[in-house]
Structures are given as structure tokens and as C-alpha cells.
Protein backbone atom coordinates (compact mmCIF):
# COMPACT_ATOMS: atom_id res chain seq x y z
CA MET A 1 16.74 -4.06 14.62
CA LYS A 2 18.18 -1.49 12.29
CA LEU A 3 17.68 -3.73 9.25
CA ILE A 4 13.95 -4.04 9.87
CA ASP A 5 13.62 -0.26 10.28
CA GLU A 6 15.55 0.39 7.05
CA HIS A 7 13.37 -1.92 5.01
CA PHE A 8 10.16 -0.66 6.58
CA GLU A 9 11.14 2.91 5.65
CA THR A 10 11.88 1.72 2.09
CA TYR A 11 8.49 0.02 2.01
CA LYS A 12 6.65 3.15 3.18
CA ALA A 13 8.55 5.40 0.74
CA TYR A 14 7.89 3.00 -2.13
CA PHE A 15 4.13 3.44 -1.85
CA GLU A 16 4.35 7.21 -1.41
CA GLN A 17 5.44 7.48 -5.05
CA PHE A 18 1.92 6.50 -6.12
CA VAL A 19 0.37 9.75 -4.88
CA THR A 20 0.27 11.31 -8.35
CA PRO A 21 -2.39 12.53 -10.78
CA GLU A 22 -1.42 9.67 -13.14
CA ILE A 23 -2.27 7.03 -10.55
CA GLY A 24 -5.18 9.05 -9.19
CA LEU A 25 -4.29 9.19 -5.47
CA LYS A 26 -4.43 12.38 -3.40
CA ALA A 27 -3.24 10.99 -0.04
CA TYR A 28 -1.30 8.06 1.41
CA TYR A 29 -0.98 6.69 4.93
CA CYS A 30 0.95 3.72 6.28
CA ASP A 31 -0.35 3.92 9.80
CA PHE A 32 -3.17 2.94 12.12
CA ILE A 33 -6.73 3.62 10.91
CA GLU A 34 -7.20 6.06 13.81
CA THR A 35 -4.46 8.23 12.32
CA VAL A 36 -6.26 8.29 8.98
CA MET A 37 -9.56 9.18 10.62
CA ALA A 38 -7.93 12.00 12.63
CA ALA A 39 -6.25 13.28 9.46
CA SER A 40 -9.61 13.39 7.69
CA ARG A 41 -10.75 15.96 10.24
CA SER A 42 -7.59 18.05 10.55
CA GLU A 43 -5.03 17.78 7.74
CA GLU A 44 -5.13 20.10 4.74
CA SER A 45 -3.30 17.50 2.65
CA PHE A 46 -6.02 14.92 3.29
CA GLY A 47 -8.12 14.00 0.28
CA TYR A 48 -9.77 11.22 -1.66
CA PRO A 49 -8.92 8.94 -3.33
CA LEU A 50 -6.46 7.78 -0.69
CA LEU A 51 -4.31 4.73 -0.11
CA HIS A 52 -4.13 3.38 3.43
CA LEU A 53 -1.69 0.57 4.21
CA GLU A 54 -1.89 -1.24 7.51
CA TYR A 55 1.40 -2.03 9.22
CA PRO A 56 2.60 -5.13 7.33
CA GLN A 57 3.68 -8.44 8.76
CA ILE A 58 7.40 -8.84 8.05
CA ARG A 59 9.10 -12.14 7.19
CA PHE A 60 12.73 -12.84 6.33
CA GLU A 61 14.33 -15.44 4.11
CA GLU A 62 18.06 -15.86 3.55
CA LYS A 63 19.39 -17.17 0.25
CA SER A 64 23.19 -17.37 -0.02
CA GLU A 65 24.45 -13.83 0.65
CA MET A 66 21.10 -12.23 -0.08
CA LEU A 67 18.31 -11.46 2.33
CA MET A 68 14.70 -11.35 1.21
CA VAL A 69 12.37 -9.17 3.29
CA HIS A 70 8.73 -10.09 2.68
CA PHE A 71 6.00 -7.60 3.58
CA ASP A 72 2.62 -9.30 3.95
CA SER A 73 0.45 -6.28 3.22
CA VAL A 74 -3.13 -5.13 3.54
CA GLY A 75 -4.04 -1.93 1.74
CA VAL A 76 -7.22 -0.13 0.90
CA VAL A 77 -7.96 2.56 -1.67
CA LEU A 78 -10.88 4.71 -0.54
CA VAL A 79 -12.91 6.95 -2.84
CA HIS A 80 -15.54 9.49 -1.79
CA ALA A 81 -18.90 9.04 -3.51
CA ASP A 82 -20.33 12.44 -4.47
CA GLU A 83 -23.86 11.39 -3.61
CA ASP A 84 -25.69 8.57 -1.89
CA SER A 85 -26.91 6.79 -5.01
CA PRO A 86 -26.24 3.31 -6.38
CA THR A 87 -24.55 4.85 -9.44
CA ALA A 88 -22.19 7.01 -7.35
CA LYS A 89 -21.34 4.06 -5.07
CA ALA A 90 -20.58 1.80 -8.04
CA ALA A 91 -18.46 4.53 -9.64
CA ALA A 92 -16.42 4.99 -6.43
CA ILE A 93 -15.77 1.25 -6.18
CA LYS A 94 -14.76 1.14 -9.85
CA ILE A 95 -12.31 4.03 -9.40
CA ALA A 96 -10.75 2.26 -6.40
CA ARG A 97 -10.31 -0.92 -8.48
CA GLN A 98 -8.76 1.06 -11.34
CA ILE A 99 -6.28 2.72 -8.98
CA TRP A 100 -5.24 -0.68 -7.63
CA ASP A 101 -4.83 -1.83 -11.23
CA LYS A 102 -2.35 1.00 -11.82
CA ILE A 103 -0.48 0.36 -8.55
CA PHE A 104 -0.18 -3.37 -9.20
CA SER A 105 0.92 -2.70 -12.78
CA GLU A 106 3.73 -0.41 -11.54
CA MET A 107 4.76 -2.93 -8.88
CA LYS A 108 4.90 -5.68 -11.51
CA LYS A 109 7.00 -3.50 -13.85
CA ALA A 110 9.46 -2.74 -11.03
CA SER A 111 9.61 -6.44 -10.22
CA VAL A 112 10.29 -7.45 -13.81
CA PHE A 113 12.93 -4.78 -14.40
CA LYS A 114 14.39 -5.03 -10.87
CA ASP A 115 14.73 -1.24 -10.64
CA ILE A 116 14.82 -1.34 -6.84
CA LEU A 117 15.25 -5.08 -6.37
CA ILE A 118 11.70 -5.96 -5.55
CA GLU A 119 9.58 -9.00 -6.25
CA PHE A 120 5.85 -8.86 -6.74
CA SER A 121 3.45 -11.39 -8.18
CA LEU A 122 -0.30 -11.23 -8.65
CA ASN A 123 -0.51 -14.87 -7.54
CA ASN A 124 -2.55 -15.10 -4.35
CA VAL A 125 -3.50 -11.40 -4.32
CA ARG A 126 -6.96 -11.15 -2.76
CA GLY A 127 -9.35 -8.23 -2.80
CA GLU A 128 -12.73 -7.26 -1.43
CA VAL A 129 -15.09 -4.30 -1.50
CA VAL A 130 -14.92 -1.87 1.43
CA LEU A 131 -18.15 -0.18 2.46
CA PRO A 132 -18.38 2.97 4.58
CA THR A 133 -17.75 2.58 8.28
CA PHE A 134 -18.35 6.24 9.07
CA VAL A 135 -20.49 9.00 7.61
CA ASP A 136 -18.37 10.37 4.76
CA ARG A 137 -19.62 8.03 1.98
CA THR A 138 -16.28 6.41 1.22
CA TYR A 139 -16.15 3.19 -0.75
CA GLY A 140 -13.19 1.25 -1.95
CA TYR A 141 -11.24 -1.91 -2.45
CA GLU A 142 -8.98 -3.67 0.02
CA PHE A 143 -6.24 -5.97 -1.23
CA ARG A 144 -3.92 -8.41 0.51
CA PHE A 145 -0.58 -8.96 -1.22
CA VAL A 146 3.10 -9.66 -0.62
CA LEU A 147 5.88 -7.29 -1.66
CA THR A 148 9.48 -8.51 -1.30
CA PHE A 149 12.64 -6.41 -1.15
CA TRP A 150 16.10 -7.89 -1.67
CA ALA A 151 19.10 -6.80 0.40
CA GLN A 152 22.70 -7.89 0.79
CA GLY A 153 23.85 -9.27 4.11
CA HIS A 154 22.21 -11.11 6.95
CA LEU A 155 20.01 -10.05 9.85
CA CYS A 156 22.91 -9.89 12.29
CA ASP A 157 25.41 -8.08 10.01
CA ASP A 158 26.53 -4.75 11.48
CA ASP A 159 23.36 -4.47 13.51
CA GLU A 160 23.96 -2.22 16.50
CA ASP A 161 20.44 -2.46 17.93
């Protein structure tokens, strides 16, 4: 469906804007974890802290002439700990939490001001610590949240696919 592809591309592009020094991210991936792991070994643009979003679940809701596209999302911010000490681990986790704070703050501002017709609420956002699963001493925070985009039309409008 063309409509799903359009909104998924909007979703991916929306999060790419957070790869800035102000937010604190150096890399962003909306892909399978295997892609991120391969990138860590081969891409020059790879770096920590990074944001990795899993492919979201997509739900639709029609209200009058408007379509709401809900993305049930799981994302993790990973930070590399400089050393294998309790202090460095705690600092990495804290940095990951602070980056999520900035991302959620920007999402909430966009939702309030409707700059790109999104809805985001901190209600029911859930997070948990992520510990290293491979040898590069990365720690972080994973959050589950819903981001909604509004669009005109219906699922079947002008859909050639």
C-alpha cells in the first residue's frame, strides 16, 4: 500500500532529525538489529550514542475525512562506556536517559504545536535499561511509545498498489 510506505518514510525521516550535537546522537537506524551490528563493523558514519528503532507496528484509525496512522514503536539509545567500571556504566545509562528526555521533549513540542501534524503523549511510555549483548560495552535505555501522524484521505483513496 502506497499510503503505508509514505507514512513509514515520514516516520523514519522524522527521527533522523535528532542526529544532532544538541540532542547528542551520532547515528540513527530504523532497521533490523543485524544491520546495526554490521554497521558497527563497517560504516564510517557509525558512532555512539546511537538511536536504533525497530520496525514499528502500524495501526490505522479513521475519523471523518482524516486518517490517523499510529506507530507502536520500540527504540533504544545506546551509549559506549569508556571503561568497564560501575561509574562509566552508570554514566552511559544516564546519558541515554538524557537523550531520550530531549527526543521526547521535541516530540511533545511538535505534538502541541502541530508542526507536522503529529500526536505524542508520555502516557503509557515504558522504558528499561539495556545491558551489553556483545563485547563493545554499550549501555542504554529502551523505550516503547506511540507516535501518531495525521493524514487526509482514507486507506483506499488513490492507492495504486
